[in-house]
């Protein structure tokens, strides 16, 4: 069923201990529809006693390449990455927290170069700390 059909989404959480929701952008919802879908997912997690919810996304590598960038994940001059604040997701974050659902944000960046394949997974958990997991494959 469609994610806007809450009964269908609720039925999908039966026997599940973790739900993944794929989003178009990492730090914000693309529209009110995406926000509403996330709210339905939180409500379904509550109804199905699902304790963990992961918002997951990938970078738009085609757009980045066209713009001359390799990744939107860029460290500061000291090499540090600041955890995003997800300001446009505050309503859903509060909804999950008040329902005792642990919300994690995850983004995977993938870069396919001529002689190597690289990916970087960034995870921001309930505590707001950023976890970085690189994966490198050299030829």
C-alpha atoms as a PDB file:
ATOM      1  CA  UNK A   1       0.000   0.000   0.000  1.00  0.00           C
ATOM      2  CA  UNK A   2       0.892   3.649  -0.207  1.00  0.00           C
ATOM      3  CA  UNK A   3       2.722   5.244   2.721  1.00  0.00           C
ATOM      4  CA  UNK A   4      -0.168   7.677   3.059  1.00  0.00           C
ATOM      5  CA  UNK A   5      -2.432   4.739   3.891  1.00  0.00           C
ATOM      6  CA  UNK A   6      -1.647   4.488   7.589  1.00  0.00           C
ATOM      7  CA  UNK A   7      -3.441   1.155   8.106  1.00  0.00           C
ATOM      8  CA  UNK A   8      -1.285  -0.484   5.431  1.00  0.00           C
ATOM      9  CA  UNK A   9       1.883   0.910   6.987  1.00  0.00           C
ATOM     10  CA  UNK A  10       0.807  -0.196  10.463  1.00  0.00           C
ATOM     11  CA  UNK A  11       0.275  -3.765   9.218  1.00  0.00           C
ATOM     12  CA  UNK A  12       3.829  -3.805   7.853  1.00  0.00           C
ATOM     13  CA  UNK A  13       5.329  -3.240  11.323  1.00  0.00           C
ATOM     14  CA  UNK A  14       3.947  -6.459  12.825  1.00  0.00           C
ATOM     15  CA  UNK A  15       6.892  -8.491  14.198  1.00  0.00           C
ATOM     16  CA  UNK A  16       9.458  -5.863  13.180  1.00  0.00           C
ATOM     17  CA  UNK A  17      12.101  -4.427  15.521  1.00  0.00           C
ATOM     18  CA  UNK A  18      13.529  -1.747  13.196  1.00  0.00           C
ATOM     19  CA  UNK A  19      12.081   0.333  10.359  1.00  0.00           C
ATOM     20  CA  UNK A  20      14.039   2.084   7.620  1.00  0.00           C
ATOM     21  CA  UNK A  21      12.538   5.051   5.781  1.00  0.00           C
ATOM     22  CA  UNK A  22      14.368   6.218   2.663  1.00  0.00           C
ATOM     23  CA  UNK A  23      14.321   9.980   2.240  1.00  0.00           C
ATOM     24  CA  UNK A  24      15.342  12.155  -0.676  1.00  0.00           C
ATOM     25  CA  UNK A  25      17.428  14.549   1.423  1.00  0.00           C
ATOM     26  CA  UNK A  26      19.315  13.928   4.610  1.00  0.00           C
ATOM     27  CA  UNK A  27      18.689  17.075   6.634  1.00  0.00           C
ATOM     28  CA  UNK A  28      15.189  18.006   5.528  1.00  0.00           C
ATOM     29  CA  UNK A  29      12.002  16.675   4.052  1.00  0.00           C
ATOM     30  CA  UNK A  30      11.442  17.415   0.375  1.00  0.00           C
ATOM     31  CA  UNK A  31       7.779  18.276   0.891  1.00  0.00           C
ATOM     32  CA  UNK A  32       4.865  18.144   3.279  1.00  0.00           C
ATOM     33  CA  UNK A  33       4.036  14.743   1.798  1.00  0.00           C
ATOM     34  CA  UNK A  34       7.420  13.318   2.843  1.00  0.00           C
ATOM     35  CA  UNK A  35       6.996  14.816   6.328  1.00  0.00           C
ATOM     36  CA  UNK A  36       3.494  13.348   6.567  1.00  0.00           C
ATOM     37  CA  UNK A  37       4.793   9.943   5.466  1.00  0.00           C
ATOM     38  CA  UNK A  38       7.452  10.099   8.195  1.00  0.00           C
ATOM     39  CA  UNK A  39       4.749  10.938  10.753  1.00  0.00           C
ATOM     40  CA  UNK A  40       2.716   7.917   9.607  1.00  0.00           C
ATOM     41  CA  UNK A  41       5.789   5.733   9.957  1.00  0.00           C
ATOM     42  CA  UNK A  42       6.382   6.997  13.520  1.00  0.00           C
ATOM     43  CA  UNK A  43       2.730   6.325  14.398  1.00  0.00           C
ATOM     44  CA  UNK A  44       2.977   2.845  12.874  1.00  0.00           C
ATOM     45  CA  UNK A  45       6.141   2.190  14.897  1.00  0.00           C
ATOM     46  CA  UNK A  46       4.285   3.214  18.052  1.00  0.00           C
ATOM     47  CA  UNK A  47       1.313   0.985  17.215  1.00  0.00           C
ATOM     48  CA  UNK A  48       3.567  -1.948  16.317  1.00  0.00           C
ATOM     49  CA  UNK A  49       5.939  -1.480  19.289  1.00  0.00           C
ATOM     50  CA  UNK A  50       8.889  -0.924  16.946  1.00  0.00           C
ATOM     51  CA  UNK A  51      11.621   0.696  19.072  1.00  0.00           C
ATOM     52  CA  UNK A  52      14.005   1.817  16.293  1.00  0.00           C
ATOM     53  CA  UNK A  53      13.511   4.004  13.236  1.00  0.00           C
ATOM     54  CA  UNK A  54      16.239   4.850  10.715  1.00  0.00           C
ATOM     55  CA  UNK A  55      15.956   7.701   8.233  1.00  0.00           C
ATOM     56  CA  UNK A  56      18.266   6.700   5.394  1.00  0.00           C
ATOM     57  CA  UNK A  57      19.361   8.479   2.229  1.00  0.00           C
ATOM     58  CA  UNK A  58      22.055   8.604  -0.408  1.00  0.00           C
ATOM     59  CA  UNK A  59      23.741  11.581  -1.982  1.00  0.00           C
ATOM     60  CA  UNK A  60      22.670  12.655  -5.448  1.00  0.00           C
ATOM     61  CA  UNK A  61      26.004  11.792  -7.044  1.00  0.00           C
ATOM     62  CA  UNK A  62      24.820  12.729 -10.537  1.00  0.00           C
ATOM     63  CA  UNK A  63      24.010  16.265  -9.400  1.00  0.00           C
ATOM     64  CA  UNK A  64      27.252  16.516  -7.416  1.00  0.00           C
ATOM     65  CA  UNK A  65      29.359  15.433 -10.411  1.00  0.00           C
ATOM     66  CA  UNK A  66      27.546  17.913 -12.667  1.00  0.00           C
ATOM     67  CA  UNK A  67      28.396  20.624 -10.122  1.00  0.00           C
ATOM     68  CA  UNK A  68      32.036  19.549  -9.871  1.00  0.00           C
ATOM     69  CA  UNK A  69      31.724  18.142  -6.339  1.00  0.00           C
ATOM     70  CA  UNK A  70      32.500  14.643  -5.118  1.00  0.00           C
ATOM     71  CA  UNK A  71      30.370  14.762  -1.982  1.00  0.00           C
ATOM     72  CA  UNK A  72      28.169  17.044   0.082  1.00  0.00           C
ATOM     73  CA  UNK A  73      30.033  15.662   3.108  1.00  0.00           C
ATOM     74  CA  UNK A  74      32.872  18.117   3.554  1.00  0.00           C
ATOM     75  CA  UNK A  75      35.000  18.464   6.697  1.00  0.00           C
ATOM     76  CA  UNK A  76      36.025  21.854   8.062  1.00  0.00           C
ATOM     77  CA  UNK A  77      39.617  23.131   7.812  1.00  0.00           C
ATOM     78  CA  UNK A  78      40.585  21.044  10.856  1.00  0.00           C
ATOM     79  CA  UNK A  79      39.174  17.887   9.305  1.00  0.00           C
ATOM     80  CA  UNK A  80      36.106  17.720  11.567  1.00  0.00           C
ATOM     81  CA  UNK A  81      32.574  16.974  10.474  1.00  0.00           C
ATOM     82  CA  UNK A  82      29.814  18.677  12.401  1.00  0.00           C
ATOM     83  CA  UNK A  83      26.673  16.639  12.987  1.00  0.00           C
ATOM     84  CA  UNK A  84      23.695  18.117  11.154  1.00  0.00           C
ATOM     85  CA  UNK A  85      20.869  19.454  13.289  1.00  0.00           C
ATOM     86  CA  UNK A  86      17.970  18.249  11.087  1.00  0.00           C
ATOM     87  CA  UNK A  87      16.137  21.504  11.894  1.00  0.00           C
ATOM     88  CA  UNK A  88      13.399  20.910   9.321  1.00  0.00           C
ATOM     89  CA  UNK A  89      12.670  17.512  10.894  1.00  0.00           C
ATOM     90  CA  UNK A  90      12.145  18.711  14.470  1.00  0.00           C
ATOM     91  CA  UNK A  91       8.422  17.908  14.580  1.00  0.00           C
ATOM     92  CA  UNK A  92       8.978  14.271  13.602  1.00  0.00           C
ATOM     93  CA  UNK A  93      12.050  13.981  15.841  1.00  0.00           C
ATOM     94  CA  UNK A  94      10.011  15.200  18.829  1.00  0.00           C
ATOM     95  CA  UNK A  95       7.176  12.866  17.909  1.00  0.00           C
ATOM     96  CA  UNK A  96       9.537   9.871  17.858  1.00  0.00           C
ATOM     97  CA  UNK A  97      11.277  10.884  21.088  1.00  0.00           C
ATOM     98  CA  UNK A  98       8.010  11.405  22.975  1.00  0.00           C
ATOM     99  CA  UNK A  99       6.969   7.905  21.841  1.00  0.00           C
ATOM    100  CA  UNK A 100      10.261   6.334  23.016  1.00  0.00           C
ATOM    101  CA  UNK A 101      11.342   5.507  19.476  1.00  0.00           C
ATOM    102  CA  UNK A 102      15.080   5.781  18.915  1.00  0.00           C
ATOM    103  CA  UNK A 103      15.604   7.746  15.696  1.00  0.00           C
ATOM    104  CA  UNK A 104      18.837   7.411  13.741  1.00  0.00           C
ATOM    105  CA  UNK A 105      19.798   9.353  10.621  1.00  0.00           C
ATOM    106  CA  UNK A 106      22.060   7.663   8.077  1.00  0.00           C
ATOM    107  CA  UNK A 107      23.540   8.920   4.822  1.00  0.00           C
ATOM    108  CA  UNK A 108      25.708   6.949   2.455  1.00  0.00           C
ATOM    109  CA  UNK A 109      28.005   8.752   0.093  1.00  0.00           C
ATOM    110  CA  UNK A 110      29.383   6.723  -2.797  1.00  0.00           C
ATOM    111  CA  UNK A 111      32.188   7.776  -5.103  1.00  0.00           C
ATOM    112  CA  UNK A 112      33.226   5.608  -8.039  1.00  0.00           C
ATOM    113  CA  UNK A 113      36.554   6.763  -9.393  1.00  0.00           C
ATOM    114  CA  UNK A 114      38.697   5.276 -12.135  1.00  0.00           C
ATOM    115  CA  UNK A 115      40.991   3.275  -9.835  1.00  0.00           C
ATOM    116  CA  UNK A 116      39.001   3.002  -6.616  1.00  0.00           C
ATOM    117  CA  UNK A 117      35.548   2.785  -5.155  1.00  0.00           C
ATOM    118  CA  UNK A 118      34.883   4.683  -1.958  1.00  0.00           C
ATOM    119  CA  UNK A 119      31.894   5.062   0.250  1.00  0.00           C
ATOM    120  CA  UNK A 120      31.291   6.874   3.464  1.00  0.00           C
ATOM    121  CA  UNK A 121      28.440   6.194   5.821  1.00  0.00           C
ATOM    122  CA  UNK A 122      27.527   8.877   8.335  1.00  0.00           C
ATOM    123  CA  UNK A 123      25.226   8.022  11.200  1.00  0.00           C
ATOM    124  CA  UNK A 124      23.722  10.426  13.713  1.00  0.00           C
ATOM    125  CA  UNK A 125      21.999   8.770  16.654  1.00  0.00           C
ATOM    126  CA  UNK A 126      19.793   9.970  19.490  1.00  0.00           C
ATOM    127  CA  UNK A 127      22.770  11.488  21.315  1.00  0.00           C
ATOM    128  CA  UNK A 128      23.564  13.752  18.346  1.00  0.00           C
ATOM    129  CA  UNK A 129      27.049  12.326  17.915  1.00  0.00           C
ATOM    130  CA  UNK A 130      28.319  11.638  14.441  1.00  0.00           C
ATOM    131  CA  UNK A 131      29.709   8.224  13.527  1.00  0.00           C
ATOM    132  CA  UNK A 132      31.715   7.976  10.315  1.00  0.00           C
ATOM    133  CA  UNK A 133      32.323   4.610   8.669  1.00  0.00           C
ATOM    134  CA  UNK A 134      34.550   4.636   5.549  1.00  0.00           C
ATOM    135  CA  UNK A 135      34.760   1.814   3.044  1.00  0.00           C
ATOM    136  CA  UNK A 136      37.584   1.879   0.496  1.00  0.00           C
ATOM    137  CA  UNK A 137      38.256  -0.534  -2.335  1.00  0.00           C
ATOM    138  CA  UNK A 138      41.484   0.067  -4.199  1.00  0.00           C
ATOM    139  CA  UNK A 139      42.223  -1.810  -7.438  1.00  0.00           C
END
